[in-house]
């Protein structure tokens, strides 16, 4: 059995760790509320422009944007992977990385090449270790998503799609369900199809002013920007929620460990007192 001093040192160490995890839990809870408000504010605009763009993909127009035209066969795909910059958020990053890796293996078995844009340090580091073809990346996003930081890395994939270097573009991130649940999602971003976004069977047509090309080009760029921003906002809300839950679990576990160590310490202390009393009694009897 370890000595009383060793047990006291362990108790002190665990108590210091618990102070850190408790502080991180409170910070994550504060950031989580702001991230959830930002994410919920972005959802209505994202859903509306997604619906309009989906209807546009079915509309019979004199101009077809490259983002709408499906390509066969698929020889190369792009992947925009969104993860967090920091860890200590449970299995959040591991879940979306596991899902993306499984899909990448499916593409490889079909002979389809893959190029990756990594948003977030965790995904960037993982893809580097995995030996993936990383064409662009963005790290150090902070607690607030900024569209100007995202446009550059994402534009690399969009330009590749327009040039025909890739035939499909996917985006992987964690969708916020509630504080206790975050769902990893991998969805097709391009080419846009009404079926992929769940549009209704009703087909819409539009009157374009000043002309179809100008309106459609601007709308589809806004569509892509809205989806990227919304995905990053969802991932950040998921990150703070997962970190708060993970730190609360760590604090609770530390409290349990401290209780167990104190019990062991008391037993060791009682054993030492009993031993000393036995030695005193034995010495007195010998005299």
Protein backbone atom coordinates (compact mmCIF):
# COMPACT_ATOMS: atom_id res chain seq x y z
CA UNK A 1 0.00 0.00 0.00
CA UNK A 2 1.40 3.46 -0.89
CA UNK A 3 2.42 5.77 1.93
CA UNK A 4 0.19 8.53 3.24
CA UNK A 5 2.37 11.23 1.66
CA UNK A 6 2.10 9.65 -1.80
CA UNK A 7 -1.69 9.41 -1.50
CA UNK A 8 -1.92 13.07 -0.37
CA UNK A 9 0.14 14.11 -3.38
CA UNK A 10 -2.18 12.16 -5.68
CA UNK A 11 -5.25 13.76 -4.10
CA UNK A 12 -3.75 17.21 -4.54
CA UNK A 13 -2.87 16.47 -8.18
CA UNK A 14 -6.38 15.24 -9.00
CA UNK A 15 -7.93 18.24 -7.23
CA UNK A 16 -5.81 20.61 -9.35
CA UNK A 17 -6.87 18.75 -12.49
CA UNK A 18 -10.51 19.00 -11.43
CA UNK A 19 -10.18 22.77 -11.03
CA UNK A 20 -8.92 22.99 -14.62
CA UNK A 21 -11.68 20.79 -16.08
CA UNK A 22 -14.32 22.69 -14.10
CA UNK A 23 -13.05 26.01 -15.44
CA UNK A 24 -12.97 24.63 -19.00
CA UNK A 25 -16.54 23.37 -18.55
CA UNK A 26 -17.74 26.84 -17.55
CA UNK A 27 -15.88 28.52 -20.43
CA UNK A 28 -17.30 25.99 -22.93
CA UNK A 29 -20.81 26.55 -21.56
CA UNK A 30 -20.47 30.30 -22.11
CA UNK A 31 -19.12 29.86 -25.64
CA UNK A 32 -21.72 27.19 -26.41
CA UNK A 33 -24.63 29.59 -25.93
CA UNK A 34 -23.13 32.14 -28.31
CA UNK A 35 -22.25 29.47 -30.87
CA UNK A 36 -25.77 28.03 -30.75
CA UNK A 37 -27.32 31.46 -31.24
CA UNK A 38 -25.04 32.09 -34.23
CA UNK A 39 -25.83 28.68 -35.70
CA UNK A 40 -29.60 29.07 -35.28
CA UNK A 41 -29.46 32.54 -36.85
CA UNK A 42 -27.72 31.09 -39.93
CA UNK A 43 -30.15 28.19 -40.43
CA UNK A 44 -33.19 30.04 -41.91
CA UNK A 45 -31.14 31.78 -44.60
CA UNK A 46 -29.27 28.57 -45.43
CA UNK A 47 -32.47 26.52 -45.71
CA UNK A 48 -34.22 29.13 -47.86
CA UNK A 49 -31.37 29.59 -50.32
CA UNK A 50 -30.94 25.80 -50.45
CA UNK A 51 -34.60 25.43 -51.44
CA UNK A 52 -34.38 28.17 -54.09
CA UNK A 53 -31.21 26.69 -55.53
CA UNK A 54 -32.76 23.20 -55.57
CA UNK A 55 -35.79 24.50 -57.48
CA UNK A 56 -33.41 26.30 -59.81
CA UNK A 57 -31.71 22.99 -60.66
CA UNK A 58 -35.05 21.74 -62.06
CA UNK A 59 -35.99 24.99 -63.77
CA UNK A 60 -35.94 25.00 -67.56
CA UNK A 61 -33.71 27.95 -68.39
CA UNK A 62 -31.66 29.05 -71.31
CA UNK A 63 -28.54 28.92 -69.15
CA UNK A 64 -27.17 26.00 -67.13
CA UNK A 65 -24.52 26.82 -64.57
CA UNK A 66 -21.66 24.26 -64.21
CA UNK A 67 -22.71 23.75 -60.57
CA UNK A 68 -26.00 22.24 -61.78
CA UNK A 69 -24.75 19.91 -64.52
CA UNK A 70 -24.11 16.32 -63.37
CA UNK A 71 -21.05 14.57 -64.77
CA UNK A 72 -20.57 10.93 -65.65
CA UNK A 73 -18.41 9.00 -65.07
CA UNK A 74 -16.98 10.35 -61.82
CA UNK A 75 -13.18 10.18 -61.97
CA UNK A 76 -12.19 12.51 -59.12
CA UNK A 77 -14.02 14.06 -56.16
CA UNK A 78 -13.29 16.86 -53.74
CA UNK A 79 -13.88 16.79 -50.00
CA UNK A 80 -14.22 19.79 -47.68
CA UNK A 81 -13.57 18.45 -44.17
CA UNK A 82 -14.58 20.64 -41.21
CA UNK A 83 -13.18 19.84 -37.77
CA UNK A 84 -12.17 21.80 -34.67
CA UNK A 85 -8.81 23.46 -34.08
CA UNK A 86 -8.59 22.17 -30.50
CA UNK A 87 -9.22 18.85 -28.82
CA UNK A 88 -10.76 17.86 -25.47
CA UNK A 89 -14.22 17.61 -27.05
CA UNK A 90 -14.87 13.88 -26.71
CA UNK A 91 -15.31 11.84 -29.88
CA UNK A 92 -16.55 14.78 -31.98
CA UNK A 93 -13.64 14.91 -34.42
CA UNK A 94 -13.06 11.16 -34.37
CA UNK A 95 -16.65 10.48 -35.51
CA UNK A 96 -16.56 12.75 -38.56
CA UNK A 97 -13.03 11.61 -39.48
CA UNK A 98 -14.05 7.95 -39.24
CA UNK A 99 -17.05 8.58 -41.50
CA UNK A 100 -14.98 10.49 -44.08
CA UNK A 101 -12.21 7.89 -44.12
CA UNK A 102 -14.77 5.12 -44.71
CA UNK A 103 -16.21 7.06 -47.67
CA UNK A 104 -12.74 7.79 -49.03
CA UNK A 105 -11.95 4.07 -48.97
CA UNK A 106 -15.15 3.40 -50.94
CA UNK A 107 -14.06 5.91 -53.56
CA UNK A 108 -10.59 4.35 -53.74
CA UNK A 109 -12.02 0.88 -54.31
CA UNK A 110 -14.04 2.37 -57.21
CA UNK A 111 -10.89 3.93 -58.69
CA UNK A 112 -11.99 7.49 -57.88
CA UNK A 113 -9.26 9.93 -56.82
CA UNK A 114 -9.80 12.35 -53.91
CA UNK A 115 -8.50 15.79 -53.05
CA UNK A 116 -9.15 17.37 -49.65
CA UNK A 117 -9.67 20.86 -48.23
CA UNK A 118 -9.21 20.77 -44.46
CA UNK A 119 -10.87 23.43 -42.30
CA UNK A 120 -9.67 23.01 -38.73
CA UNK A 121 -6.32 21.88 -37.34
CA UNK A 122 -7.47 18.42 -36.23
CA UNK A 123 -8.66 17.40 -39.69
CA UNK A 124 -5.62 18.98 -41.36
CA UNK A 125 -3.18 17.08 -39.13
CA UNK A 126 -5.09 13.82 -39.59
CA UNK A 127 -5.15 14.09 -43.39
CA UNK A 128 -1.44 14.90 -43.43
CA UNK A 129 -0.68 11.76 -41.42
CA UNK A 130 -3.00 9.73 -43.68
CA UNK A 131 -1.14 10.91 -46.78
CA UNK A 132 -4.21 12.45 -48.43
CA UNK A 133 -3.91 14.98 -51.27
CA UNK A 134 -4.52 18.29 -49.47
CA UNK A 135 -5.04 21.14 -51.93
CA UNK A 136 -5.92 23.85 -49.37
CA UNK A 137 -6.55 24.31 -45.68
CA UNK A 138 -7.65 26.86 -43.08
CA UNK A 139 -6.75 26.72 -39.38
CA UNK A 140 -7.03 29.07 -36.43
CA UNK A 141 -10.67 29.94 -37.09
CA UNK A 142 -11.27 31.06 -33.49
CA UNK A 143 -14.67 30.99 -31.83
CA UNK A 144 -16.49 32.95 -34.56
CA UNK A 145 -16.63 31.79 -38.22
CA UNK A 146 -15.55 34.45 -40.71
CA UNK A 147 -16.54 33.95 -44.31
CA UNK A 148 -13.51 35.83 -45.65
CA UNK A 149 -11.22 33.20 -44.06
CA UNK A 150 -13.20 30.37 -45.68
CA UNK A 151 -13.55 31.72 -49.22
CA UNK A 152 -9.90 31.23 -50.20
CA UNK A 153 -9.52 27.53 -49.34
CA UNK A 154 -13.01 26.66 -50.62
CA UNK A 155 -12.48 28.55 -53.89
CA UNK A 156 -9.69 26.11 -54.76
CA UNK A 157 -12.25 23.29 -54.85
CA UNK A 158 -14.87 25.38 -56.68
CA UNK A 159 -12.36 26.38 -59.37
CA UNK A 160 -11.33 22.75 -59.74
CA UNK A 161 -14.99 21.77 -60.22
CA UNK A 162 -15.58 24.48 -62.84
CA UNK A 163 -12.41 23.46 -64.73
CA UNK A 164 -13.48 19.81 -64.66
CA UNK A 165 -10.60 18.62 -62.46
CA UNK A 166 -13.15 17.15 -60.02
CA UNK A 167 -16.61 15.83 -60.85
CA UNK A 168 -18.26 15.98 -57.40
CA UNK A 169 -17.70 17.99 -54.24
CA UNK A 170 -18.63 16.77 -50.75
CA UNK A 171 -18.63 18.45 -47.36
CA UNK A 172 -18.17 16.67 -44.02
CA UNK A 173 -18.94 18.24 -40.65
CA UNK A 174 -20.80 17.72 -37.36
CA UNK A 175 -24.44 18.78 -37.37
CA UNK A 176 -25.76 20.14 -34.08
CA UNK A 177 -28.82 18.22 -32.84
CA UNK A 178 -28.85 19.22 -29.18
CA UNK A 179 -26.38 19.75 -26.35
CA UNK A 180 -25.94 16.02 -25.79
CA UNK A 181 -25.99 14.86 -29.42
CA UNK A 182 -24.00 15.90 -32.49
CA UNK A 183 -24.34 13.99 -35.75
CA UNK A 184 -21.48 13.58 -38.26
CA UNK A 185 -22.71 14.41 -41.77
CA UNK A 186 -21.21 13.90 -45.22
CA UNK A 187 -23.33 15.45 -47.97
CA UNK A 188 -22.88 16.30 -51.63
CA UNK A 189 -22.36 19.99 -52.25
CA UNK A 190 -21.86 19.94 -56.02
CA UNK A 191 -23.31 19.30 -58.52
CA UNK A 192 -26.52 20.65 -57.05
CA UNK A 193 -29.56 18.41 -57.35
CA UNK A 194 -33.07 18.87 -56.09
CA UNK A 195 -33.22 15.28 -54.83
CA UNK A 196 -30.11 15.75 -52.70
CA UNK A 197 -31.67 18.63 -50.76
CA UNK A 198 -35.19 17.22 -50.60
CA UNK A 199 -37.00 19.65 -52.84
CA UNK A 200 -40.67 19.09 -53.60
CA UNK A 201 -41.98 17.49 -56.76
CA UNK A 202 -43.30 20.84 -57.95
CA UNK A 203 -41.05 22.23 -60.67
CA UNK A 204 -40.50 25.96 -60.70
CA UNK A 205 -39.47 28.28 -63.46
CA UNK A 206 -38.41 31.88 -63.11
CA UNK A 207 -38.29 35.17 -64.93
CA UNK A 208 -34.75 36.52 -64.78
CA UNK A 209 -33.80 40.20 -64.59
CA UNK A 210 -31.50 41.41 -66.05
CA UNK A 211 -30.52 38.00 -67.49
CA UNK A 212 -30.37 34.36 -66.41
CA UNK A 213 -26.56 34.05 -66.40
CA UNK A 214 -25.96 36.98 -64.05
CA UNK A 215 -28.71 35.97 -61.61
CA UNK A 216 -27.85 32.25 -61.55
CA UNK A 217 -24.09 32.83 -61.19
CA UNK A 218 -24.60 35.16 -58.23
CA UNK A 219 -27.24 32.95 -56.59
CA UNK A 220 -25.20 29.75 -56.75
CA UNK A 221 -22.13 31.47 -55.33
CA UNK A 222 -24.30 32.67 -52.44
CA UNK A 223 -25.65 29.12 -52.12
CA UNK A 224 -22.18 27.63 -51.70
CA UNK A 225 -21.08 30.37 -49.30
CA UNK A 226 -24.21 29.92 -47.17
CA UNK A 227 -23.75 26.16 -46.93
CA UNK A 228 -20.06 26.43 -46.01
CA UNK A 229 -20.74 29.10 -43.38
CA UNK A 230 -23.65 27.13 -41.93
CA UNK A 231 -21.57 23.94 -41.77
CA UNK A 232 -18.76 25.74 -39.92
CA UNK A 233 -21.27 27.36 -37.53
CA UNK A 234 -22.90 23.97 -36.87
CA UNK A 235 -19.50 22.39 -36.23
CA UNK A 236 -18.48 25.14 -33.81
CA UNK A 237 -21.73 24.80 -31.85
CA UNK A 238 -21.19 21.03 -31.76
CA UNK A 239 -17.59 21.52 -30.61
CA UNK A 240 -18.47 23.71 -27.63
CA UNK A 241 -21.36 21.44 -26.63
CA UNK A 242 -19.19 18.33 -26.82
CA UNK A 243 -16.38 20.04 -24.89
CA UNK A 244 -18.74 21.14 -22.12
CA UNK A 245 -20.12 17.60 -21.77
CA UNK A 246 -16.61 16.07 -21.86
CA UNK A 247 -15.26 18.48 -19.22
CA UNK A 248 -18.29 17.90 -16.98
CA UNK A 249 -17.71 14.15 -17.24
CA UNK A 250 -14.01 14.66 -16.44
CA UNK A 251 -14.88 16.81 -13.40
CA UNK A 252 -17.34 14.20 -12.13
CA UNK A 253 -14.80 11.41 -12.62
CA UNK A 254 -12.14 13.44 -10.80
CA UNK A 255 -14.54 13.90 -7.87
CA UNK A 256 -15.05 10.12 -7.74
CA UNK A 257 -11.30 9.48 -7.88
CA UNK A 258 -10.70 11.97 -5.05
CA UNK A 259 -13.31 10.20 -2.92
CA UNK A 260 -11.66 6.82 -3.56
CA UNK A 261 -8.19 8.20 -2.78
CA UNK A 262 -9.41 9.76 0.46
CA UNK A 263 -10.88 6.40 1.47
CA UNK A 264 -7.55 4.70 0.74
CA UNK A 265 -5.71 7.43 2.66
CA UNK A 266 -7.94 6.99 5.70
CA UNK A 267 -7.43 3.22 5.61
CA UNK A 268 -3.65 3.67 5.38
CA UNK A 269 -3.71 6.19 8.23
CA UNK A 270 -5.80 3.86 10.40
CA UNK A 271 -3.46 0.98 9.61
CA UNK A 272 -0.45 3.09 10.61
CA UNK A 273 -2.12 4.13 13.90
CA UNK A 274 -3.08 0.52 14.66
CA UNK A 275 0.51 -0.59 13.98
CA UNK A 276 1.92 2.07 16.32
CA UNK A 277 -0.53 1.12 19.08
CA UNK A 278 0.37 -2.55 18.66
CA UNK A 279 4.07 -1.73 18.94
CA UNK A 280 3.46 0.36 22.08
CA UNK A 281 1.33 -2.36 23.70
CA UNK A 282 3.85 -5.04 22.74
CA UNK A 283 6.72 -3.00 24.15
CA UNK A 284 4.86 -2.36 27.39
CA UNK A 285 4.05 -6.06 27.76
CA UNK A 286 7.69 -7.01 27.21
CA UNK A 287 8.80 -4.62 29.96
